[in-house]
Amino acid sequence: MQINRRQFVKNLLTASASLSLLTFSKISFATWLRSDFSSHPLEASLAELFPEKVIKTSRKIKLKLPRTAENGNIVPITITSSIENIEKVYIFSEKNPVPLVAKFTLDPSLEPYIGARFKMQESCDVIVIIEADDKLYQKRQYVKVTIGGCGG
């Protein structure tokens, strides 16, 4: 039986999708998300993610974040940094029910530039934590929310 190119590509994609479903199930994915993005106060989330680690404040982290968010449902943020060998970037909103808003894993050889939008329940500090060379650095900025975000 002779197979044409279209049928070969279709079979290859089907096989790779089936293999990925076997190796990375929904249950394991949900468990991973549950451990990082669980409903805790900020201090408990930080203690769980960074046990017994010191988080230093750094001026090498630059945040482009509005001082006043007109709508808490859409708060834009841009993160850049001159810190070298950045492995992970975390964004926290202090008073959200789930304080960890986002977690990014980066290749340490890249220059970090992250843009995102997230929800804020109420006015509070937005905290960005960068993990580089087994050290933690943070930058905080207070954002005032004028229209309700997560809570309505």
N, C-alpha and C. Protein backbone atom coordinates (compact mmCIF):
# COMPACT_ATOMS: atom_id res chain seq x y z
N MET A 1 0.83 -1.18 0.00
CA MET A 1 0.00 0.00 0.00
C MET A 1 0.88 1.24 0.00
N GLN A 2 0.62 2.12 -0.93
CA GLN A 2 1.40 3.35 -1.05
C GLN A 2 0.68 4.49 -0.34
N ILE A 3 1.43 5.26 0.48
CA ILE A 3 0.85 6.36 1.24
C ILE A 3 1.31 7.67 0.61
N ASN A 4 0.38 8.61 0.43
CA ASN A 4 0.78 9.91 -0.10
C ASN A 4 1.24 10.80 1.06
N ARG A 5 1.78 11.93 0.72
CA ARG A 5 2.36 12.84 1.71
C ARG A 5 1.30 13.34 2.68
N ARG A 6 0.12 13.68 2.20
CA ARG A 6 -0.95 14.19 3.04
C ARG A 6 -1.35 13.17 4.10
N GLN A 7 -1.49 11.91 3.70
CA GLN A 7 -1.86 10.85 4.63
C GLN A 7 -0.75 10.61 5.65
N PHE A 8 0.51 10.69 5.21
CA PHE A 8 1.64 10.51 6.11
C PHE A 8 1.65 11.59 7.19
N VAL A 9 1.46 12.86 6.81
CA VAL A 9 1.45 13.96 7.78
C VAL A 9 0.28 13.80 8.75
N LYS A 10 -0.88 13.40 8.23
CA LYS A 10 -2.05 13.19 9.08
C LYS A 10 -1.78 12.10 10.11
N ASN A 11 -1.19 10.99 9.69
CA ASN A 11 -0.86 9.89 10.60
C ASN A 11 0.18 10.32 11.63
N LEU A 12 1.16 11.10 11.20
CA LEU A 12 2.21 11.57 12.10
C LEU A 12 1.62 12.49 13.18
N LEU A 13 0.76 13.41 12.79
CA LEU A 13 0.14 14.31 13.76
C LEU A 13 -0.77 13.56 14.73
N THR A 14 -1.50 12.59 14.24
CA THR A 14 -2.37 11.79 15.10
C THR A 14 -1.55 11.01 16.12
N ALA A 15 -0.47 10.43 15.68
CA ALA A 15 0.39 9.65 16.58
C ALA A 15 1.04 10.55 17.64
N SER A 16 1.52 11.72 17.23
CA SER A 16 2.17 12.60 18.20
C SER A 16 1.16 13.16 19.20
N ALA A 17 -0.06 13.47 18.76
CA ALA A 17 -1.10 13.95 19.69
C ALA A 17 -1.47 12.86 20.68
N SER A 18 -1.58 11.64 20.23
CA SER A 18 -1.92 10.53 21.12
C SER A 18 -0.81 10.30 22.14
N LEU A 19 0.42 10.38 21.70
CA LEU A 19 1.56 10.19 22.60
C LEU A 19 1.61 11.30 23.65
N SER A 20 1.35 12.54 23.24
CA SER A 20 1.40 13.63 24.21
C SER A 20 0.28 13.51 25.23
N LEU A 21 -0.88 13.01 24.84
CA LEU A 21 -1.97 12.81 25.80
C LEU A 21 -1.62 11.72 26.80
N LEU A 22 -0.89 10.72 26.37
CA LEU A 22 -0.50 9.65 27.29
C LEU A 22 0.53 10.13 28.30
N THR A 23 1.47 10.97 27.86
CA THR A 23 2.54 11.38 28.75
C THR A 23 2.17 12.56 29.63
N PHE A 24 1.19 13.37 29.23
CA PHE A 24 0.85 14.56 30.00
C PHE A 24 -0.67 14.63 30.14
N SER A 25 -1.19 13.93 31.10
CA SER A 25 -2.64 13.83 31.27
C SER A 25 -3.22 15.09 31.90
N LYS A 26 -4.51 15.23 31.78
CA LYS A 26 -5.20 16.38 32.37
C LYS A 26 -5.08 16.37 33.89
N ILE A 27 -5.06 15.20 34.47
CA ILE A 27 -4.99 15.10 35.92
C ILE A 27 -3.65 15.63 36.43
N SER A 28 -2.56 15.26 35.78
CA SER A 28 -1.26 15.76 36.22
C SER A 28 -1.14 17.25 35.98
N PHE A 29 -1.72 17.75 34.90
CA PHE A 29 -1.69 19.17 34.61
C PHE A 29 -2.48 19.93 35.67
N ALA A 30 -3.65 19.44 36.03
CA ALA A 30 -4.48 20.09 37.04
C ALA A 30 -3.80 20.07 38.41
N THR A 31 -3.11 19.01 38.74
CA THR A 31 -2.40 18.93 40.01
C THR A 31 -1.29 19.96 40.06
N TRP A 32 -0.57 20.12 38.97
CA TRP A 32 0.50 21.12 38.90
C TRP A 32 -0.08 22.51 39.08
N LEU A 33 -1.16 22.82 38.41
CA LEU A 33 -1.78 24.14 38.54
C LEU A 33 -2.31 24.37 39.94
N ARG A 34 -2.90 23.37 40.53
CA ARG A 34 -3.47 23.51 41.86
C ARG A 34 -2.39 23.86 42.88
N SER A 35 -1.22 23.28 42.76
CA SER A 35 -0.16 23.55 43.74
C SER A 35 0.36 24.99 43.63
N ASP A 36 0.47 25.53 42.42
CA ASP A 36 1.00 26.89 42.26
C ASP A 36 -0.08 27.96 42.40
N PHE A 37 -1.24 27.71 41.83
CA PHE A 37 -2.29 28.72 41.78
C PHE A 37 -3.43 28.35 42.73
N SER A 38 -3.11 28.29 44.02
CA SER A 38 -4.13 27.96 45.01
C SER A 38 -4.53 29.22 45.77
N SER A 39 -5.70 29.17 46.37
CA SER A 39 -6.24 30.31 47.09
C SER A 39 -5.66 30.38 48.50
N HIS A 40 -4.68 31.25 48.66
CA HIS A 40 -4.02 31.49 49.95
C HIS A 40 -3.78 32.98 50.09
N PRO A 41 -3.54 33.45 51.30
CA PRO A 41 -3.05 34.82 51.44
C PRO A 41 -1.66 34.92 50.80
N LEU A 42 -1.25 36.13 50.49
CA LEU A 42 0.03 36.35 49.80
C LEU A 42 1.20 35.72 50.56
N GLU A 43 1.25 35.92 51.87
CA GLU A 43 2.38 35.40 52.66
C GLU A 43 2.47 33.88 52.58
N ALA A 44 1.33 33.22 52.59
CA ALA A 44 1.32 31.75 52.50
C ALA A 44 1.77 31.29 51.11
N SER A 45 1.35 32.00 50.08
CA SER A 45 1.78 31.65 48.72
C SER A 45 3.29 31.83 48.56
N LEU A 46 3.82 32.93 49.10
CA LEU A 46 5.27 33.17 49.01
C LEU A 46 6.04 32.11 49.79
N ALA A 47 5.55 31.74 50.97
CA ALA A 47 6.22 30.72 51.79
C ALA A 47 6.19 29.36 51.10
N GLU A 48 5.10 29.07 50.39
CA GLU A 48 4.99 27.78 49.70
C GLU A 48 5.89 27.73 48.46
N LEU A 49 5.94 28.83 47.71
CA LEU A 49 6.74 28.85 46.48
C LEU A 49 8.23 29.04 46.75
N PHE A 50 8.57 29.83 47.77
CA PHE A 50 9.97 30.15 48.06
C PHE A 50 10.29 29.87 49.53
N PRO A 51 10.27 28.60 49.93
CA PRO A 51 10.51 28.29 51.35
C PRO A 51 11.94 28.65 51.77
N GLU A 52 12.02 29.38 52.86
CA GLU A 52 13.30 29.74 53.48
C GLU A 52 14.25 30.46 52.54
N LYS A 53 13.74 31.24 51.60
CA LYS A 53 14.59 32.03 50.70
C LYS A 53 14.38 33.50 50.97
N VAL A 54 15.45 34.26 50.84
CA VAL A 54 15.39 35.71 51.02
C VAL A 54 15.09 36.35 49.68
N ILE A 55 14.13 37.28 49.67
CA ILE A 55 13.75 37.98 48.44
C ILE A 55 14.24 39.42 48.58
N LYS A 56 15.21 39.80 47.75
CA LYS A 56 15.80 41.13 47.81
C LYS A 56 15.06 42.08 46.86
N THR A 57 14.94 43.33 47.27
CA THR A 57 14.37 44.36 46.40
C THR A 57 15.45 44.79 45.41
N SER A 58 15.06 44.94 44.13
CA SER A 58 16.04 45.28 43.10
C SER A 58 15.56 46.45 42.25
N ARG A 59 16.49 47.34 41.93
CA ARG A 59 16.20 48.45 41.01
C ARG A 59 16.43 48.04 39.56
N LYS A 60 16.92 46.83 39.35
CA LYS A 60 17.19 46.34 38.00
C LYS A 60 15.93 45.79 37.33
N ILE A 61 14.82 45.76 38.06
CA ILE A 61 13.54 45.31 37.50
C ILE A 61 12.73 46.56 37.17
N LYS A 62 12.28 46.66 35.94
CA LYS A 62 11.47 47.80 35.49
C LYS A 62 10.05 47.33 35.20
N LEU A 63 9.09 48.01 35.79
CA LEU A 63 7.68 47.70 35.58
C LEU A 63 7.00 48.86 34.87
N LYS A 64 6.24 48.52 33.87
CA LYS A 64 5.36 49.51 33.24
C LYS A 64 3.96 49.06 33.63
N LEU A 65 3.40 49.79 34.59
CA LEU A 65 2.15 49.40 35.23
C LEU A 65 1.42 50.69 35.58
N PRO A 66 0.12 50.79 35.31
CA PRO A 66 -0.58 52.05 35.64
C PRO A 66 -0.66 52.26 37.15
N ARG A 67 -0.50 53.50 37.57
CA ARG A 67 -0.66 53.82 39.00
C ARG A 67 -2.14 53.71 39.40
N THR A 68 -3.02 54.05 38.43
CA THR A 68 -4.46 53.91 38.63
C THR A 68 -5.02 53.10 37.49
N ALA A 69 -5.62 51.95 37.80
CA ALA A 69 -6.25 51.10 36.79
C ALA A 69 -7.72 51.50 36.72
N GLU A 70 -8.15 51.96 35.56
CA GLU A 70 -9.54 52.38 35.40
C GLU A 70 -10.50 51.21 35.50
N ASN A 71 -10.01 50.02 35.18
CA ASN A 71 -10.85 48.83 35.24
C ASN A 71 -9.99 47.69 35.78
N GLY A 72 -10.38 47.13 36.91
CA GLY A 72 -9.62 46.04 37.51
C GLY A 72 -9.67 44.75 36.72
N ASN A 73 -10.58 44.66 35.75
CA ASN A 73 -10.66 43.45 34.92
C ASN A 73 -9.52 43.36 33.94
N ILE A 74 -8.93 44.49 33.56
CA ILE A 74 -7.83 44.48 32.58
C ILE A 74 -6.75 45.43 33.06
N VAL A 75 -5.74 44.89 33.71
CA VAL A 75 -4.61 45.69 34.17
C VAL A 75 -3.38 45.26 33.37
N PRO A 76 -2.86 46.15 32.52
CA PRO A 76 -1.69 45.78 31.71
C PRO A 76 -0.39 45.93 32.50
N ILE A 77 0.55 45.05 32.21
CA ILE A 77 1.87 45.12 32.84
C ILE A 77 2.93 44.74 31.82
N THR A 78 4.05 45.43 31.87
CA THR A 78 5.22 45.10 31.06
C THR A 78 6.41 45.02 32.01
N ILE A 79 7.17 43.93 31.89
CA ILE A 79 8.31 43.69 32.78
C ILE A 79 9.57 43.56 31.95
N THR A 80 10.58 44.33 32.31
CA THR A 80 11.92 44.19 31.73
C THR A 80 12.92 44.19 32.88
N SER A 81 14.10 43.66 32.62
CA SER A 81 15.11 43.61 33.67
C SER A 81 16.51 43.49 33.08
N SER A 82 17.47 44.04 33.80
CA SER A 82 18.87 43.90 33.40
C SER A 82 19.59 42.83 34.23
N ILE A 83 18.84 42.10 35.03
CA ILE A 83 19.40 40.99 35.80
C ILE A 83 19.75 39.87 34.82
N GLU A 84 20.90 39.25 34.99
CA GLU A 84 21.34 38.20 34.07
C GLU A 84 20.87 36.83 34.54
N ASN A 85 20.74 35.90 33.58
CA ASN A 85 20.39 34.50 33.81
C ASN A 85 19.04 34.32 34.51
N ILE A 86 18.05 35.05 34.05
CA ILE A 86 16.70 34.94 34.63
C ILE A 86 16.08 33.62 34.20
N GLU A 87 15.61 32.86 35.18
CA GLU A 87 14.99 31.56 34.92
C GLU A 87 13.47 31.63 35.01
N LYS A 88 12.95 32.36 36.00
CA LYS A 88 11.50 32.43 36.20
C LYS A 88 11.09 33.84 36.60
N VAL A 89 9.87 34.20 36.19
CA VAL A 89 9.28 35.48 36.56
C VAL A 89 7.88 35.19 37.10
N TYR A 90 7.59 35.73 38.28
CA TYR A 90 6.30 35.55 38.93
C TYR A 90 5.63 36.91 39.07
N ILE A 91 4.31 36.96 38.86
CA ILE A 91 3.53 38.18 39.09
C ILE A 91 2.49 37.86 40.15
N PHE A 92 2.45 38.70 41.20
CA PHE A 92 1.49 38.54 42.28
C PHE A 92 0.65 39.81 42.41
N SER A 93 -0.62 39.63 42.75
CA SER A 93 -1.50 40.73 43.13
C SER A 93 -1.90 40.47 44.58
N GLU A 94 -1.47 41.34 45.45
CA GLU A 94 -1.51 41.10 46.89
C GLU A 94 -2.90 40.72 47.43
N LYS A 95 -3.96 41.35 46.98
CA LYS A 95 -5.28 41.12 47.57
C LYS A 95 -6.21 40.27 46.71
N ASN A 96 -5.70 39.66 45.65
CA ASN A 96 -6.52 38.74 44.87
C ASN A 96 -6.77 37.47 45.67
N PRO A 97 -7.89 36.76 45.43
CA PRO A 97 -8.13 35.49 46.13
C PRO A 97 -7.01 34.48 45.85
N VAL A 98 -6.49 34.49 44.63
CA VAL A 98 -5.33 33.69 44.26
C VAL A 98 -4.23 34.70 43.91
N PRO A 99 -3.30 34.95 44.83
CA PRO A 99 -2.34 36.03 44.62
C PRO A 99 -1.40 35.83 43.43
N LEU A 100 -1.03 34.58 43.12
CA LEU A 100 -0.15 34.34 41.98
C LEU A 100 -0.96 34.51 40.70
N VAL A 101 -0.63 35.56 39.96
CA VAL A 101 -1.36 35.89 38.73
C VAL A 101 -0.77 35.14 37.55
N ALA A 102 0.56 35.08 37.48
CA ALA A 102 1.22 34.43 36.34
C ALA A 102 2.61 33.97 36.75
N LYS A 103 3.06 32.93 36.05
CA LYS A 103 4.40 32.38 36.26
C LYS A 103 4.99 32.10 34.89
N PHE A 104 6.17 32.65 34.60
CA PHE A 104 6.82 32.48 33.31
C PHE A 104 8.16 31.79 33.52
N THR A 105 8.46 30.80 32.70
CA THR A 105 9.76 30.14 32.72
C THR A 105 10.50 30.57 31.46
N LEU A 106 11.70 31.11 31.65
CA LEU A 106 12.47 31.66 30.53
C LEU A 106 13.78 30.92 30.35
N ASP A 107 14.29 30.99 29.15
CA ASP A 107 15.65 30.51 28.88
C ASP A 107 16.60 31.57 29.43
N PRO A 108 17.55 31.20 30.28
CA PRO A 108 18.44 32.19 30.90
C PRO A 108 19.25 33.03 29.90
N SER A 109 19.39 32.57 28.67
CA SER A 109 20.17 33.34 27.69
C SER A 109 19.36 34.46 27.05
N LEU A 110 18.05 34.49 27.30
CA LEU A 110 17.20 35.52 26.70
C LEU A 110 17.19 36.80 27.52
N GLU A 111 16.97 37.90 26.82
CA GLU A 111 16.75 39.17 27.50
C GLU A 111 15.27 39.26 27.84
N PRO A 112 14.92 39.41 29.11
CA PRO A 112 13.51 39.31 29.48
C PRO A 112 12.70 40.54 29.07
N TYR A 113 11.56 40.27 28.45
CA TYR A 113 10.56 41.28 28.13
C TYR A 113 9.22 40.55 28.17
N ILE A 114 8.42 40.86 29.16
CA ILE A 114 7.14 40.18 29.33
C ILE A 114 6.03 41.22 29.36
N GLY A 115 5.01 40.99 28.57
CA GLY A 115 3.81 41.82 28.58
C GLY A 115 2.61 40.95 28.86
N ALA A 116 1.73 41.41 29.74
CA ALA A 116 0.55 40.61 30.10
C ALA A 116 -0.56 41.55 30.56
N ARG A 117 -1.73 40.97 30.72
CA ARG A 117 -2.89 41.65 31.31
C ARG A 117 -3.48 40.71 32.35
N PHE A 118 -3.93 41.27 33.46
CA PHE A 118 -4.47 40.44 34.51
C PHE A 118 -5.57 41.18 35.26
N LYS A 119 -6.29 40.46 36.12
CA LYS A 119 -7.36 41.04 36.93
C LYS A 119 -6.85 41.37 38.32
N MET A 120 -7.38 42.46 38.86
CA MET A 120 -7.12 42.83 40.24
C MET A 120 -8.45 43.02 40.95
N GLN A 121 -8.58 42.42 42.12
CA GLN A 121 -9.82 42.51 42.86
C GLN A 121 -10.00 43.90 43.47
N GLU A 122 -8.92 44.45 44.01
CA GLU A 122 -9.00 45.77 44.63
C GLU A 122 -7.62 46.41 44.63
N SER A 123 -7.56 47.66 45.05
CA SER A 123 -6.30 48.39 45.09
C SER A 123 -5.31 47.69 46.02
N CYS A 124 -4.09 47.48 45.54
CA CYS A 124 -3.07 46.79 46.34
C CYS A 124 -1.72 46.85 45.61
N ASP A 125 -0.73 46.23 46.22
CA ASP A 125 0.59 46.11 45.61
C ASP A 125 0.59 45.01 44.55
N VAL A 126 1.25 45.29 43.44
CA VAL A 126 1.56 44.26 42.45
C VAL A 126 3.04 43.95 42.67
N ILE A 127 3.35 42.69 42.82
CA ILE A 127 4.71 42.27 43.13
C ILE A 127 5.23 41.38 42.01
N VAL A 128 6.40 41.72 41.49
CA VAL A 128 7.07 40.90 40.48
C VAL A 128 8.30 40.32 41.15
N ILE A 129 8.42 39.00 41.09
CA ILE A 129 9.58 38.31 41.66
C ILE A 129 10.31 37.60 40.53
N ILE A 130 11.62 37.82 40.48
CA ILE A 130 12.46 37.21 39.45
C ILE A 130 13.41 36.24 40.13
N GLU A 131 13.50 35.04 39.56
CA GLU A 131 14.44 34.03 40.04
C GLU A 131 15.59 33.93 39.04
N ALA A 132 16.80 34.18 39.52
CA ALA A 132 18.00 34.13 38.67
C ALA A 132 19.18 33.63 39.49
N ASP A 133 19.88 32.64 38.98
CA ASP A 133 21.06 32.08 39.66
C ASP A 133 20.75 31.71 41.12
N ASP A 134 19.60 31.07 41.35
CA ASP A 134 19.15 30.64 42.69
C ASP A 134 19.00 31.79 43.68
N LYS A 135 18.79 33.00 43.17
CA LYS A 135 18.52 34.17 44.02
C LYS A 135 17.18 34.74 43.59
N LEU A 136 16.52 35.43 44.52
CA LEU A 136 15.22 36.02 44.25
C LEU A 136 15.28 37.54 44.39
N TYR A 137 14.68 38.23 43.42
CA TYR A 137 14.64 39.68 43.40
C TYR A 137 13.19 40.11 43.21
N GLN A 138 12.81 41.23 43.82
CA GLN A 138 11.44 41.68 43.71
C GLN A 138 11.35 43.17 43.42
N LYS A 139 10.22 43.55 42.86
CA LYS A 139 9.86 44.95 42.66
C LYS A 139 8.37 45.05 42.95
N ARG A 140 7.97 46.05 43.73
CA ARG A 140 6.57 46.26 44.09
C ARG A 140 6.10 47.61 43.57
N GLN A 141 4.83 47.64 43.18
CA GLN A 141 4.21 48.92 42.82
C GLN A 141 2.74 48.87 43.22
N TYR A 142 2.30 49.93 43.86
CA TYR A 142 0.91 50.03 44.28
C TYR A 142 0.06 50.46 43.09
N VAL A 143 -1.07 49.77 42.90
CA VAL A 143 -2.01 50.11 41.83
C VAL A 143 -3.38 50.34 42.46
N LYS A 144 -3.95 51.50 42.17
CA LYS A 144 -5.29 51.83 42.65
C LYS A 144 -6.30 51.41 41.59
N VAL A 145 -7.30 50.62 42.00
CA VAL A 145 -8.34 50.15 41.09
C VAL A 145 -9.59 50.99 41.33
N THR A 146 -10.12 51.59 40.25
CA THR A 146 -11.29 52.45 40.41
C THR A 146 -12.60 51.72 40.13
N ILE A 147 -12.60 50.71 39.27
CA ILE A 147 -13.78 49.90 39.01
C ILE A 147 -13.44 48.48 39.40
N GLY A 148 -14.38 47.75 40.04
CA GLY A 148 -14.12 46.41 40.53
C GLY A 148 -13.55 45.46 39.50
N GLY A 149 -12.68 44.59 39.96
CA GLY A 149 -12.04 43.61 39.09
C GLY A 149 -12.63 42.23 39.30
N CYS A 150 -11.91 41.37 39.97
CA CYS A 150 -12.33 39.98 40.17
C CYS A 150 -13.66 39.88 40.92
N GLY A 151 -13.86 40.73 41.89
CA GLY A 151 -15.05 40.64 42.72
C GLY A 151 -16.27 41.33 42.14
N GLY A 152 -16.13 42.04 41.02
CA GLY A 152 -17.28 42.66 40.39
C GLY A 152 -17.37 44.14 40.56
